[in-house]
Each structure stands twice: as structure tokens, then as C-alpha cells.
Protein backbone atom coordinates (compact mmCIF):
# COMPACT_ATOMS: atom_id res chain seq x y z
CA MET A 1 -112.30 -16.06 43.78
CA GLN A 2 -110.73 -12.91 45.11
CA LYS A 3 -110.45 -9.37 43.87
CA SER A 4 -107.18 -7.91 42.64
CA GLY A 5 -106.42 -4.28 41.97
CA CYS A 6 -104.17 -5.10 39.03
CA ASP A 7 -105.63 -5.28 35.54
CA SER A 8 -102.36 -5.06 33.61
CA ASN A 9 -102.00 -8.79 33.09
CA ILE A 10 -105.01 -9.42 30.88
CA GLN A 11 -104.45 -12.54 28.82
CA VAL A 12 -105.35 -10.67 25.64
CA ASP A 13 -103.84 -13.09 23.12
CA LEU A 14 -105.32 -16.18 24.75
CA ILE A 15 -108.83 -14.71 25.02
CA ARG A 16 -108.77 -13.33 21.46
CA VAL A 17 -107.62 -16.66 20.02
CA ALA A 18 -110.31 -18.56 21.92
CA ALA A 19 -112.93 -16.02 20.81
CA VAL A 20 -112.07 -16.07 17.11
CA LEU A 21 -111.85 -19.89 17.09
CA GLY A 22 -115.32 -19.90 18.66
CA VAL A 23 -116.69 -17.72 15.85
CA LEU A 24 -115.06 -19.95 13.22
CA LEU A 25 -116.45 -23.05 14.94
CA LEU A 26 -119.96 -21.59 15.02
CA HIS A 27 -120.03 -20.64 11.35
CA SER A 28 -118.28 -23.81 10.21
CA ALA A 29 -121.09 -25.83 11.75
CA GLU A 30 -124.00 -23.75 10.50
CA ASP A 31 -124.36 -25.43 7.10
CA LEU A 32 -125.35 -28.62 8.92
CA THR A 33 -127.86 -27.22 11.39
CA THR A 34 -129.79 -25.60 8.54
CA GLN A 35 -130.87 -29.12 7.66
CA THR A 36 -133.79 -30.74 9.49
CA MET A 37 -133.49 -33.85 11.59
CA SER A 38 -135.44 -35.79 8.98
CA SER A 39 -132.76 -35.15 6.38
CA LEU A 40 -129.78 -35.49 8.70
CA GLU A 41 -129.06 -38.23 11.23
CA ILE A 42 -129.98 -37.13 14.74
CA TRP A 43 -126.57 -38.01 16.13
CA ARG A 44 -124.84 -35.81 13.56
CA TRP A 45 -127.23 -32.97 14.36
CA CYS A 46 -126.39 -33.39 18.04
CA ILE A 47 -122.64 -33.25 17.37
CA VAL A 48 -123.10 -29.97 15.49
CA ASP A 49 -125.36 -28.73 18.29
CA VAL A 50 -122.48 -29.24 20.74
CA TYR A 51 -120.02 -27.53 18.40
CA GLN A 52 -122.32 -24.52 18.10
CA SER A 53 -122.94 -24.40 21.85
CA ILE A 54 -119.17 -24.08 22.30
CA GLY A 55 -118.68 -21.66 19.42
CA ARG A 56 -121.37 -19.30 20.65
CA MET A 57 -119.05 -18.21 23.46
CA GLY A 58 -116.83 -16.41 20.91
CA VAL A 59 -118.77 -13.13 20.70
CA PRO A 60 -119.29 -12.77 24.49
CA LEU A 61 -115.55 -13.33 24.96
CA PHE A 62 -114.79 -10.60 22.43
CA VAL A 63 -117.19 -8.15 24.09
CA MET A 64 -115.96 -8.87 27.63
CA LEU A 65 -112.34 -8.47 26.53
CA THR A 66 -113.17 -5.16 24.81
CA GLY A 67 -114.81 -3.96 28.01
CA ALA A 68 -111.82 -5.05 30.07
CA LEU A 69 -109.48 -3.08 27.81
CA LEU A 70 -111.54 0.05 27.17
CA LEU A 71 -113.21 0.56 30.56
CA SER A 72 -110.01 0.52 32.59
CA PRO A 73 -110.17 3.26 35.27
CA SER A 74 -106.83 4.57 34.01
CA LYS A 75 -108.54 5.62 30.76
CA LYS A 76 -111.51 7.54 32.19
CA ASP A 77 -109.90 10.92 31.44
CA GLU A 78 -108.88 10.09 27.87
CA ASP A 79 -109.70 12.89 25.44
CA LEU A 80 -112.90 12.22 23.46
CA GLY A 81 -111.38 13.29 20.16
CA PHE A 82 -108.36 11.04 20.65
CA PHE A 83 -110.59 8.11 21.69
CA PHE A 84 -112.89 8.29 18.66
CA LYS A 85 -110.03 8.92 16.24
CA LYS A 86 -108.33 5.78 17.53
CA ARG A 87 -111.53 3.76 17.29
CA PHE A 88 -112.15 4.92 13.72
CA SER A 89 -108.65 3.87 12.80
CA ARG A 90 -109.35 0.50 14.41
CA ILE A 91 -112.68 -0.39 12.78
CA GLY A 92 -113.73 2.50 10.51
CA LEU A 93 -111.29 1.91 7.66
CA PRO A 94 -111.61 -1.91 7.80
CA PHE A 95 -115.41 -1.49 7.75
CA ILE A 96 -115.17 0.46 4.50
CA PHE A 97 -112.61 -1.91 2.94
CA TRP A 98 -114.38 -5.17 3.81
CA GLY A 99 -117.80 -3.61 3.21
CA VAL A 100 -116.91 -2.79 -0.39
CA LEU A 101 -115.45 -6.28 -0.83
CA TYR A 102 -118.65 -7.91 0.45
CA PHE A 103 -120.82 -5.74 -1.80
CA ILE A 104 -118.78 -7.01 -4.75
CA TRP A 105 -118.97 -10.57 -3.38
CA ASP A 106 -122.76 -10.39 -2.99
CA VAL A 107 -123.22 -9.22 -6.57
CA PHE A 108 -120.72 -11.34 -8.48
CA VAL A 109 -120.57 -14.53 -6.37
CA GLU A 110 -123.92 -14.82 -4.60
CA ASN A 111 -125.74 -13.17 -7.52
CA GLN A 112 -127.60 -10.56 -5.48
CA PRO A 113 -129.49 -8.12 -7.74
CA VAL A 114 -128.28 -4.54 -7.42
CA THR A 115 -131.36 -2.65 -6.26
CA GLN A 116 -132.01 0.40 -4.12
CA VAL A 117 -133.11 -1.84 -1.24
CA PHE A 118 -129.94 -3.95 -1.56
CA ILE A 119 -127.69 -0.87 -1.40
CA LEU A 120 -129.56 0.92 1.41
CA ASP A 121 -129.86 -2.25 3.50
CA GLY A 122 -126.17 -2.89 2.97
CA LEU A 123 -125.29 0.58 4.22
CA LEU A 124 -127.70 0.63 7.16
CA LYS A 125 -127.31 -2.97 8.35
CA GLY A 126 -124.08 -4.11 6.72
CA PRO A 127 -123.46 -5.88 3.41
CA TYR A 128 -123.15 -9.29 5.11
CA PHE A 129 -124.69 -10.74 8.26
CA THR A 130 -121.42 -10.74 10.22
CA PHE A 131 -121.26 -6.94 10.05
CA TRP A 132 -123.84 -6.73 12.85
CA TYR A 133 -120.88 -7.07 15.21
CA LEU A 134 -119.27 -3.86 13.93
CA TYR A 135 -122.52 -1.92 14.32
CA MET A 136 -122.78 -3.24 17.88
CA LEU A 137 -119.18 -2.14 18.54
CA VAL A 138 -120.03 1.38 17.35
CA GLY A 139 -122.84 1.48 19.90
CA LEU A 140 -120.48 0.35 22.67
CA TYR A 141 -117.87 2.92 21.60
CA LEU A 142 -120.46 5.71 21.78
CA ALA A 143 -121.30 4.67 25.35
CA THR A 144 -117.69 4.07 26.44
CA PRO A 145 -116.78 7.62 27.65
CA LEU A 146 -119.78 7.62 30.01
CA LEU A 147 -119.31 3.99 31.09
CA ARG A 148 -115.65 4.69 31.90
CA VAL A 149 -116.64 7.28 34.49
CA ILE A 150 -119.27 4.97 35.97
CA VAL A 151 -116.96 1.95 36.19
CA ALA A 152 -114.10 4.02 37.64
CA ASN A 153 -116.27 5.46 40.43
CA ALA A 154 -118.75 2.66 41.14
CA SER A 155 -118.39 0.60 44.29
CA GLU A 156 -118.25 -3.17 44.02
CA LYS A 157 -121.76 -3.34 45.48
CA LEU A 158 -123.08 -1.00 42.78
CA MET A 159 -121.31 -2.99 40.06
CA LYS A 160 -122.89 -6.20 41.31
CA TYR A 161 -126.28 -4.48 41.36
CA PHE A 162 -125.85 -3.30 37.76
CA LEU A 163 -124.79 -6.76 36.56
CA SER A 164 -127.64 -8.44 38.48
CA VAL A 165 -130.24 -6.18 36.86
CA TRP A 166 -128.66 -6.83 33.45
CA PHE A 167 -128.76 -10.61 33.99
CA LEU A 168 -132.37 -10.56 35.15
CA GLY A 169 -133.52 -8.38 32.27
CA THR A 170 -131.62 -10.04 29.43
CA ALA A 171 -131.38 -13.69 30.47
CA ILE A 172 -134.20 -14.48 32.92
CA VAL A 173 -137.15 -12.34 31.76
CA PRO A 174 -137.11 -13.86 28.22
CA LEU A 175 -137.46 -17.28 29.86
CA ILE A 176 -140.91 -16.40 31.24
CA PRO A 177 -142.95 -16.63 28.00
CA PHE A 178 -140.92 -19.64 26.90
CA ALA A 179 -141.44 -21.51 30.19
CA THR A 180 -145.12 -20.60 30.55
CA SER A 181 -145.87 -21.76 27.00
CA LEU A 182 -144.64 -25.21 27.98
CA ILE A 183 -146.71 -25.30 31.18
CA TYR A 184 -149.88 -23.52 30.05
CA SER A 185 -151.73 -23.29 26.77
CA SER A 186 -150.75 -19.62 26.48
CA SER A 187 -147.51 -17.80 27.12
CA TYR A 188 -147.16 -14.97 29.63
CA SER A 189 -144.52 -12.29 29.58
CA LEU A 190 -143.28 -9.35 31.59
CA ASP A 191 -143.15 -6.00 29.83
CA ALA A 192 -139.58 -5.76 28.56
CA ASN A 193 -139.45 -2.04 29.37
CA VAL A 194 -138.98 -2.89 33.06
CA PHE A 195 -135.35 -3.71 32.28
CA VAL A 196 -133.66 -1.30 29.89
CA ILE A 197 -129.96 -2.24 30.07
CA PRO A 198 -128.97 -3.42 26.55
CA GLN A 199 -127.60 -6.95 26.37
CA TYR A 200 -124.09 -6.20 25.10
CA VAL A 201 -123.55 -3.30 27.50
CA GLY A 202 -123.86 -5.90 30.26
CA TYR A 203 -121.13 -8.10 28.77
CA PHE A 204 -119.03 -4.97 28.16
CA VAL A 205 -119.18 -3.85 31.80
CA LEU A 206 -118.89 -7.44 33.00
CA GLY A 207 -115.53 -7.72 31.26
CA ALA A 208 -114.25 -4.67 33.15
CA TYR A 209 -115.43 -6.23 36.41
CA LEU A 210 -114.15 -9.76 35.79
CA VAL A 211 -110.69 -8.67 34.68
CA ASN A 212 -109.82 -7.93 38.31
CA VAL A 213 -111.24 -11.20 39.64
CA ARG A 214 -108.57 -13.77 40.38
CA VAL A 215 -109.56 -17.43 40.37
CA THR A 216 -108.81 -19.63 43.36
CA ASN A 217 -110.82 -22.67 42.28
CA ARG A 218 -110.25 -23.38 38.59
CA LYS A 219 -111.83 -26.83 38.85
CA LEU A 220 -115.14 -25.34 39.97
CA LEU A 221 -115.08 -22.90 37.04
CA GLY A 222 -114.35 -25.81 34.71
CA VAL A 223 -117.37 -27.68 36.04
CA ILE A 224 -119.63 -24.63 35.63
CA LEU A 225 -118.27 -24.10 32.09
CA ALA A 226 -118.93 -27.72 31.11
CA LEU A 227 -122.40 -27.59 32.68
CA GLY A 228 -123.24 -24.38 30.81
CA ILE A 229 -122.21 -25.91 27.47
CA ALA A 230 -124.13 -29.11 28.22
CA LEU A 231 -127.31 -27.24 29.21
CA THR A 232 -127.08 -25.07 26.08
CA ALA A 233 -126.75 -28.13 23.84
CA ILE A 234 -129.41 -30.17 25.68
CA GLY A 235 -131.82 -27.24 25.76
CA THR A 236 -131.38 -26.70 22.02
CA TYR A 237 -131.98 -30.37 21.31
CA ALA A 238 -135.06 -30.47 23.54
CA ILE A 239 -136.64 -27.46 21.83
CA ALA A 240 -135.82 -28.81 18.37
CA MET A 241 -137.54 -32.10 19.22
CA THR A 242 -140.63 -30.45 20.72
CA VAL A 243 -141.47 -26.83 19.86
CA GLY A 244 -139.06 -26.27 16.97
CA GLY A 245 -139.48 -23.35 14.61
CA GLY A 246 -137.96 -19.98 15.42
CA THR A 247 -137.41 -20.90 19.07
CA THR A 248 -135.08 -23.82 18.29
CA PHE A 249 -131.90 -21.91 19.11
CA PHE A 250 -133.29 -20.03 22.13
CA PHE A 251 -130.54 -21.34 24.43
CA GLN A 252 -127.85 -20.46 21.88
CA GLU A 253 -128.74 -16.77 21.96
CA TYR A 254 -125.82 -14.70 23.23
CA ILE A 255 -127.76 -13.57 26.28
CA SER A 256 -129.37 -16.90 27.24
CA PRO A 257 -128.75 -17.90 30.87
CA THR A 258 -126.93 -21.08 29.84
CA LEU A 259 -124.61 -19.25 27.46
CA ILE A 260 -123.77 -16.64 30.11
CA MET A 261 -123.19 -19.56 32.47
CA SER A 262 -120.54 -20.95 30.11
CA ALA A 263 -118.98 -17.73 28.73
CA VAL A 264 -118.27 -16.09 32.11
CA PRO A 265 -116.27 -18.97 33.67
CA PHE A 266 -114.48 -19.48 30.35
CA PHE A 267 -113.36 -15.84 30.39
CA LEU A 268 -112.18 -16.20 33.99
CA LEU A 269 -110.31 -19.42 33.23
CA LEU A 270 -108.57 -17.91 30.22
CA ASN A 271 -107.63 -14.75 32.08
CA SER A 272 -106.31 -16.74 35.06
CA HIS A 273 -103.98 -18.78 32.85
CA LYS A 274 -100.44 -18.50 34.16
CA SER A 275 -97.97 -17.51 31.49
CA VAL A 276 -94.20 -17.70 31.71
CA PRO A 277 -92.80 -14.29 32.76
CA HIS A 278 -90.80 -12.53 30.07
CA THR A 279 -87.83 -12.28 32.41
CA THR A 280 -87.42 -16.06 32.46
CA ALA A 281 -87.88 -16.64 28.77
CA ALA A 282 -85.31 -15.25 26.34
CA LYS A 283 -87.63 -15.85 23.42
CA PRO A 284 -91.35 -16.64 23.30
CA SER A 285 -92.18 -20.17 22.17
CA TRP A 286 -93.53 -20.73 18.66
CA ILE A 287 -96.94 -21.39 20.20
CA LYS A 288 -97.00 -17.95 21.81
CA ARG A 289 -95.76 -16.33 18.62
CA PHE A 290 -98.46 -18.08 16.61
CA MET A 291 -101.13 -17.11 19.15
CA HIS A 292 -99.98 -13.50 18.98
CA LEU A 293 -100.14 -13.63 15.18
CA ILE A 294 -103.76 -14.79 15.37
CA SER A 295 -104.55 -12.28 18.14
CA GLU A 296 -103.33 -9.23 16.22
CA ASN A 297 -105.35 -10.34 13.19
CA THR A 298 -108.66 -11.27 14.82
CA LEU A 299 -110.58 -8.36 13.23
CA PRO A 300 -109.63 -9.18 9.60
CA ILE A 301 -110.11 -12.90 10.32
CA PHE A 302 -113.59 -12.13 11.67
CA LEU A 303 -114.44 -10.05 8.60
CA PHE A 304 -112.88 -12.36 5.99
CA HIS A 305 -113.68 -15.85 7.26
CA MET A 306 -117.20 -16.13 5.78
CA ILE A 307 -115.81 -15.69 2.27
CA VAL A 308 -113.38 -18.55 2.94
CA ILE A 309 -116.07 -20.79 4.46
CA TYR A 310 -118.50 -20.12 1.61
CA THR A 311 -115.74 -20.83 -0.94
CA LEU A 312 -114.91 -24.16 0.70
CA GLN A 313 -118.51 -25.25 1.27
CA HIS A 314 -119.46 -24.55 -2.36
CA GLY A 315 -116.25 -25.82 -3.93
CA LEU A 316 -115.49 -22.56 -5.74
CA LEU A 317 -111.79 -23.44 -5.91
CA GLY A 318 -112.37 -27.03 -7.02
CA VAL A 319 -112.22 -28.51 -3.51
CA THR A 320 -115.44 -28.96 -1.53
CA LEU A 321 -115.54 -29.19 2.25
CA ASN A 322 -118.96 -29.47 3.88
CA GLY A 323 -121.19 -31.83 5.83
CA ASP A 324 -122.14 -33.80 2.71
CA VAL A 325 -118.51 -34.62 1.91
CA VAL A 326 -116.86 -35.05 5.31
CA ASN A 327 -118.42 -36.46 8.49
CA SER A 328 -119.40 -33.55 10.73
CA ILE A 329 -117.44 -34.85 13.71
CA VAL A 330 -114.22 -34.34 11.76
CA GLY A 331 -115.47 -31.92 9.12
CA VAL A 332 -116.43 -29.03 11.40
CA PRO A 333 -113.11 -28.71 13.26
CA LEU A 334 -111.29 -29.37 9.97
CA MET A 335 -113.16 -26.45 8.43
CA VAL A 336 -112.13 -24.26 11.39
CA PHE A 337 -108.41 -24.86 10.99
CA VAL A 338 -108.43 -24.78 7.19
CA THR A 339 -110.33 -21.49 7.30
CA LEU A 340 -107.97 -20.05 9.90
CA GLY A 341 -104.94 -21.06 7.82
CA LEU A 342 -106.32 -19.61 4.58
CA CYS A 343 -107.31 -16.38 6.32
CA LEU A 344 -103.79 -15.92 7.64
CA LEU A 345 -102.26 -16.80 4.27
CA VAL A 346 -104.20 -13.94 2.70
CA ILE A 347 -104.24 -11.39 5.52
CA VAL A 348 -100.63 -11.50 6.74
CA PRO A 349 -99.07 -10.67 3.32
CA LEU A 350 -101.66 -7.92 2.75
CA LYS A 351 -100.78 -6.29 6.08
CA ARG A 352 -97.15 -6.09 5.04
CA ILE A 353 -98.18 -3.50 2.46
CA PRO A 354 -98.10 -0.15 4.34
CA VAL A 355 -101.08 1.46 2.60
CA VAL A 356 -103.22 -1.68 2.82
CA LYS A 357 -102.42 -2.51 6.45
CA LYS A 358 -104.84 0.00 8.01
CA LEU A 359 -107.57 -0.94 5.54
CA VAL A 360 -107.40 -4.67 6.29
CA GLY A 361 -107.59 -4.17 10.07
């Protein structure tokens, strides 16, 4: 790999599409992994394990892309007021719109009792579990003005140091108690306060660093990507068969070493994809147009897709699609594309309404 000073050719559409498909894949498979191996054939569990190990790369891709776009050195002098106004327009209004919708959904569809705890928890943590991502984005936005100055002025050596400390603190240190518990009767751990760089800040800055890395050996990246996915899936299976419990999905955590090992080369591969220059193509192909359609709607797809998945899994519209009806090998990817299609069928017409467009996202 070699460094390039140009960051204007970020493959935004390609990375966004891969990221949102990863999120859909992860959540489409989750209704199966909630079952135990005793009630679900091991081979089916393993298939879903692989699907989830692939899908888990979605969020890291989103965060790295956001870092690549927002931490560009050309933006370090952007006015704070302008920056936060733009960010509020991007996620603030959609947060309110979809938040209200999910409050209504929780009460009338999932029969959640309306209590003080329900309302306060919904406001402080989000009305649905997927809203954690928006709260995390707010944290990254608050840090962005400072991180822009650091990234713009840091040497490559300092950037590598920062990313190394992040990797050690978020991916390696958590392995210590897990590994020692397998070797010894007790687990040992290093005080987490030694490393204080938050996990998603690392991905955020990593995106800004990787966007200028040009790939010279795509095959090697492909091998590392495949190995990372395999180790994530195998590690998850091994823990499920031995320790189990709350540690089962240790290697599927967003900051596990195996997931970083797969997400980073995947980002580099996607960003190194050679597209046809606009000067040689009079009109983008239908594939590029469709990818751009998905790309510009990733936020509403992210916020809406769980309603679609829940509706399909529980047969609320008279058609049921879940692991009990369709074999997981086919059922999980089928759920992904059906969910994507239904999301677009709802979101695209809504965004054609001027007043609603900013609310939807």
C-alpha cells in the first residue's frame, strides 16, 4: 500500500451500500441466533454465525466513512455554528421523526406499557435499540472540531501511534481476562483506565487515515478480510460450545481484534475500487444509479429497517418470513433484500414530499 495526498475520490456510494447491507444482514439473522443449539441444528446456527460475522462490519464501515468525510484537512477551519447546524439538519430532525414513530410502535405494536421509566429511558437511550448509533454519532460530532485540527496537523508517525494505542486498548486488552480464564481457574485483567481512547473515536480517525491509503495488493487484503471473517465466526462458535453465556459473541463485538481485522481491509478494498470516470460515460449505469439511491437513503433505511424486519418475522401483514418458515441459508439473505426493497418503497415516495424530506433523513 502507498500513501496518496488525494482524498477526493472516496467511494462513498459503494461503502455506504456495503455498510447498510451489513446492518440488514446482521439484524435479519438475529432471530435465529437467539435460539440455543439444542433447539436449532448446529449447522444452521453456524450459517447464521457466518452471516453475522460478515454483517458486523457494517457499523465500522459507517464510522470509518464518516471519519473520512468529516475529518478531511480541508474542513479544519469550518465554522462551529455552521458545522453543528448542518449536523442537526442531518440527524437531529430524523432523530425526532423516527423517535416519535418508534415510541408509537413500542406502545401499539410491541405493547410496551407507558410508564415514566419507559419515557425517560426512551429519551435518554433511544426508543429502540438501534438508536444507540445516533447517540454515538452525536459524541463523534462533538469531538469532530478538535479531531479535525489534530488530524490536519499530525504527522503520519503520530497517527500510527494514536491508532496503535487505540487498537491495544480496545481490541487487545479485553482479550486478557478472556484468555486467562481459559488457561487458569481465574481471570486476570489490566485496569482499563490505562487506555482511555474511546472505541469509536479510533474507527473515526482510522477512516480519515485510511482514505489516503492506496492499495497495491488487493489479493492480500482479500485474504486478510476472509481470514478476519473466518476467525470471527470460528471464535464465536468455539465460545458458544464451551463458555457460552454473555461471552458468546465476544468476537462479534465491534472492537474485537478479528472484526477490526476484517473491517479495515474491507474498507480499503471498497475505497480502492476503480470506477468508470464520468468523462467516459455519458450516463451512469442502472447499477450505479441504484447504488446511489441506496447510498443517499442509508440513514432512513438504518432507522426504518427494524420495523420492516419485525413486521416480516411476525407476519403482521399476513406473510411470515423467519427462520421457522424458510431455511436460514436462503432466508437470511432473502430477508435482507426484501427489507431493503420495502424500505425504499416507503422512504423514496416520502422524500418526494418537501416538508417530509428533512424529517425522514
